[in-house]
Amino acid sequence: MLLATLSEASWATEQAQQRRAGRDVRQETRQGSRHTKQECRATNQQSNSQRRQDKRQTRQQGRQTARDIKY
C-alpha cells in the first residue's frame, strides 16, 4: 500500500516537472518569435504575410518541442 502511494506521488511530481518544462519552452518560443518579428519589421526584410508565416512556423516548432518533453 505504501509503495503504491509513493510511486503515484513520484509519478505526479515527474508529470508536474514535464508540464513546467513544456510551459517554459512555449514561453521562450513566444518571446523568440516576437523578437524575430520585431527585428524583421525594423529591417523591412520581408512582406507582412511572410513574417506571419515565419512567426507561425516558429511557434509551431516550439509547441512540438513542448509535446516531445511532455509525452
N, C-alpha and C. Protein backbone atom coordinates (compact mmCIF):
# COMPACT_ATOMS: atom_id res chain seq x y z
N MET A 1 0.82 -1.19 0.00
CA MET A 1 0.00 0.00 0.00
C MET A 1 0.86 1.25 0.00
N LEU A 2 1.84 1.27 0.89
CA LEU A 2 2.73 2.43 0.99
C LEU A 2 3.55 2.59 -0.29
N LEU A 3 3.98 1.49 -0.87
CA LEU A 3 4.77 1.54 -2.09
C LEU A 3 3.95 2.11 -3.24
N ALA A 4 2.69 1.73 -3.34
CA ALA A 4 1.83 2.25 -4.39
C ALA A 4 1.63 3.75 -4.24
N THR A 5 1.47 4.22 -3.03
CA THR A 5 1.28 5.64 -2.78
C THR A 5 2.55 6.42 -3.15
N LEU A 6 3.71 5.88 -2.81
CA LEU A 6 4.96 6.55 -3.14
C LEU A 6 5.19 6.61 -4.64
N SER A 7 4.87 5.54 -5.35
CA SER A 7 5.07 5.56 -6.80
C SER A 7 4.10 6.53 -7.47
N GLU A 8 2.88 6.63 -6.96
CA GLU A 8 1.93 7.60 -7.51
C GLU A 8 2.40 9.03 -7.26
N ALA A 9 2.95 9.27 -6.09
CA ALA A 9 3.45 10.60 -5.76
C ALA A 9 4.64 10.97 -6.64
N SER A 10 5.53 10.02 -6.88
CA SER A 10 6.69 10.32 -7.73
C SER A 10 6.25 10.54 -9.17
N TRP A 11 5.24 9.80 -9.63
CA TRP A 11 4.72 9.99 -10.98
C TRP A 11 4.10 11.38 -11.12
N ALA A 12 3.35 11.80 -10.12
CA ALA A 12 2.73 13.12 -10.16
C ALA A 12 3.79 14.21 -10.19
N THR A 13 4.84 14.03 -9.41
CA THR A 13 5.93 15.02 -9.39
C THR A 13 6.63 15.07 -10.74
N GLU A 14 6.88 13.92 -11.32
CA GLU A 14 7.54 13.88 -12.63
C GLU A 14 6.66 14.52 -13.69
N GLN A 15 5.38 14.24 -13.64
CA GLN A 15 4.44 14.81 -14.59
C GLN A 15 4.38 16.33 -14.45
N ALA A 16 4.40 16.82 -13.23
CA ALA A 16 4.38 18.26 -12.99
C ALA A 16 5.64 18.92 -13.55
N GLN A 17 6.77 18.26 -13.39
CA GLN A 17 8.02 18.80 -13.93
C GLN A 17 7.99 18.85 -15.45
N GLN A 18 7.40 17.83 -16.07
CA GLN A 18 7.28 17.81 -17.53
C GLN A 18 6.37 18.94 -18.01
N ARG A 19 5.26 19.15 -17.32
CA ARG A 19 4.36 20.24 -17.69
C ARG A 19 5.06 21.58 -17.56
N ARG A 20 5.78 21.75 -16.47
CA ARG A 20 6.51 23.00 -16.23
C ARG A 20 7.55 23.24 -17.32
N ALA A 21 8.28 22.20 -17.69
CA ALA A 21 9.29 22.33 -18.74
C ALA A 21 8.64 22.66 -20.07
N GLY A 22 7.49 22.05 -20.36
CA GLY A 22 6.77 22.36 -21.58
C GLY A 22 6.31 23.80 -21.62
N ARG A 23 5.80 24.30 -20.50
CA ARG A 23 5.38 25.71 -20.42
C ARG A 23 6.55 26.64 -20.65
N ASP A 24 7.69 26.30 -20.06
CA ASP A 24 8.88 27.14 -20.21
C ASP A 24 9.31 27.21 -21.68
N VAL A 25 9.29 26.07 -22.35
CA VAL A 25 9.68 26.03 -23.76
C VAL A 25 8.72 26.88 -24.59
N ARG A 26 7.43 26.75 -24.33
CA ARG A 26 6.46 27.53 -25.10
C ARG A 26 6.63 29.02 -24.86
N GLN A 27 6.88 29.40 -23.61
CA GLN A 27 7.08 30.82 -23.29
C GLN A 27 8.32 31.37 -23.99
N GLU A 28 9.41 30.61 -23.96
CA GLU A 28 10.64 31.04 -24.63
C GLU A 28 10.41 31.16 -26.14
N THR A 29 9.63 30.25 -26.69
CA THR A 29 9.32 30.28 -28.11
C THR A 29 8.53 31.54 -28.46
N ARG A 30 7.54 31.87 -27.64
CA ARG A 30 6.75 33.07 -27.88
C ARG A 30 7.63 34.31 -27.89
N GLN A 31 8.49 34.42 -26.88
CA GLN A 31 9.36 35.59 -26.79
C GLN A 31 10.32 35.65 -27.98
N GLY A 32 10.84 34.50 -28.35
CA GLY A 32 11.75 34.45 -29.50
C GLY A 32 11.07 34.83 -30.80
N SER A 33 9.85 34.36 -30.99
CA SER A 33 9.15 34.69 -32.24
C SER A 33 8.77 36.17 -32.27
N ARG A 34 8.42 36.75 -31.13
CA ARG A 34 8.14 38.19 -31.08
C ARG A 34 9.38 39.00 -31.45
N HIS A 35 10.51 38.58 -30.87
CA HIS A 35 11.76 39.28 -31.12
C HIS A 35 12.13 39.19 -32.60
N THR A 36 12.00 38.01 -33.18
CA THR A 36 12.31 37.81 -34.59
C THR A 36 11.42 38.68 -35.47
N LYS A 37 10.14 38.74 -35.14
CA LYS A 37 9.22 39.54 -35.94
C LYS A 37 9.56 41.03 -35.83
N GLN A 38 9.89 41.48 -34.63
CA GLN A 38 10.25 42.89 -34.45
C GLN A 38 11.51 43.24 -35.22
N GLU A 39 12.50 42.36 -35.19
CA GLU A 39 13.73 42.59 -35.95
C GLU A 39 13.44 42.65 -37.44
N CYS A 40 12.63 41.73 -37.90
CA CYS A 40 12.29 41.67 -39.32
C CYS A 40 11.54 42.93 -39.74
N ARG A 41 10.62 43.36 -38.90
CA ARG A 41 9.84 44.56 -39.20
C ARG A 41 10.75 45.79 -39.24
N ALA A 42 11.70 45.85 -38.31
CA ALA A 42 12.61 47.00 -38.23
C ALA A 42 13.52 47.08 -39.46
N THR A 43 13.97 45.93 -39.95
CA THR A 43 14.87 45.93 -41.11
C THR A 43 14.11 45.84 -42.42
N ASN A 44 12.80 45.61 -42.34
CA ASN A 44 11.93 45.54 -43.52
C ASN A 44 12.43 44.51 -44.54
N GLN A 45 12.76 43.32 -44.03
CA GLN A 45 13.33 42.28 -44.88
C GLN A 45 12.26 41.52 -45.68
N GLN A 46 11.07 41.36 -45.12
CA GLN A 46 10.07 40.51 -45.76
C GLN A 46 8.73 41.21 -45.77
N SER A 47 7.82 40.62 -46.55
CA SER A 47 6.45 41.13 -46.54
C SER A 47 5.76 40.73 -45.24
N ASN A 48 4.67 41.38 -44.95
CA ASN A 48 3.94 41.09 -43.71
C ASN A 48 3.46 39.64 -43.68
N SER A 49 2.99 39.14 -44.81
CA SER A 49 2.50 37.76 -44.83
C SER A 49 3.64 36.77 -44.59
N GLN A 50 4.81 37.06 -45.12
CA GLN A 50 5.95 36.17 -44.88
C GLN A 50 6.38 36.21 -43.42
N ARG A 51 6.33 37.39 -42.79
CA ARG A 51 6.64 37.49 -41.36
C ARG A 51 5.66 36.66 -40.54
N ARG A 52 4.38 36.74 -40.90
CA ARG A 52 3.36 35.95 -40.18
C ARG A 52 3.65 34.47 -40.31
N GLN A 53 4.00 34.03 -41.51
CA GLN A 53 4.31 32.61 -41.73
C GLN A 53 5.52 32.19 -40.90
N ASP A 54 6.54 33.02 -40.86
CA ASP A 54 7.74 32.69 -40.08
C ASP A 54 7.40 32.58 -38.61
N LYS A 55 6.62 33.55 -38.11
CA LYS A 55 6.25 33.53 -36.69
C LYS A 55 5.41 32.29 -36.38
N ARG A 56 4.47 31.99 -37.26
CA ARG A 56 3.61 30.82 -37.08
C ARG A 56 4.43 29.53 -37.06
N GLN A 57 5.38 29.44 -37.98
CA GLN A 57 6.21 28.24 -38.04
C GLN A 57 7.09 28.11 -36.79
N THR A 58 7.64 29.22 -36.33
CA THR A 58 8.47 29.20 -35.13
C THR A 58 7.67 28.73 -33.92
N ARG A 59 6.46 29.26 -33.79
CA ARG A 59 5.62 28.87 -32.65
C ARG A 59 5.21 27.41 -32.74
N GLN A 60 4.94 26.93 -33.94
CA GLN A 60 4.56 25.53 -34.11
C GLN A 60 5.71 24.61 -33.71
N GLN A 61 6.93 25.00 -34.06
CA GLN A 61 8.09 24.20 -33.68
C GLN A 61 8.24 24.17 -32.16
N GLY A 62 7.97 25.30 -31.50
CA GLY A 62 8.03 25.35 -30.04
C GLY A 62 6.98 24.46 -29.40
N ARG A 63 5.79 24.45 -29.98
CA ARG A 63 4.73 23.58 -29.46
C ARG A 63 5.12 22.12 -29.58
N GLN A 64 5.72 21.77 -30.72
CA GLN A 64 6.13 20.37 -30.92
C GLN A 64 7.22 19.99 -29.94
N THR A 65 8.14 20.88 -29.68
CA THR A 65 9.20 20.62 -28.70
C THR A 65 8.59 20.38 -27.32
N ALA A 66 7.60 21.21 -26.96
CA ALA A 66 6.93 21.05 -25.66
C ALA A 66 6.20 19.71 -25.59
N ARG A 67 5.57 19.31 -26.68
CA ARG A 67 4.90 17.99 -26.71
C ARG A 67 5.90 16.86 -26.53
N ASP A 68 7.05 17.00 -27.18
CA ASP A 68 8.07 15.97 -27.05
C ASP A 68 8.55 15.83 -25.61
N ILE A 69 8.62 16.94 -24.90
CA ILE A 69 9.02 16.90 -23.49
C ILE A 69 7.96 16.20 -22.66
N LYS A 70 6.71 16.55 -22.90
CA LYS A 70 5.63 16.02 -22.07
C LYS A 70 5.31 14.56 -22.34
N TYR A 71 5.39 14.13 -23.58
CA TYR A 71 4.92 12.77 -23.90
C TYR A 71 6.04 11.90 -24.31
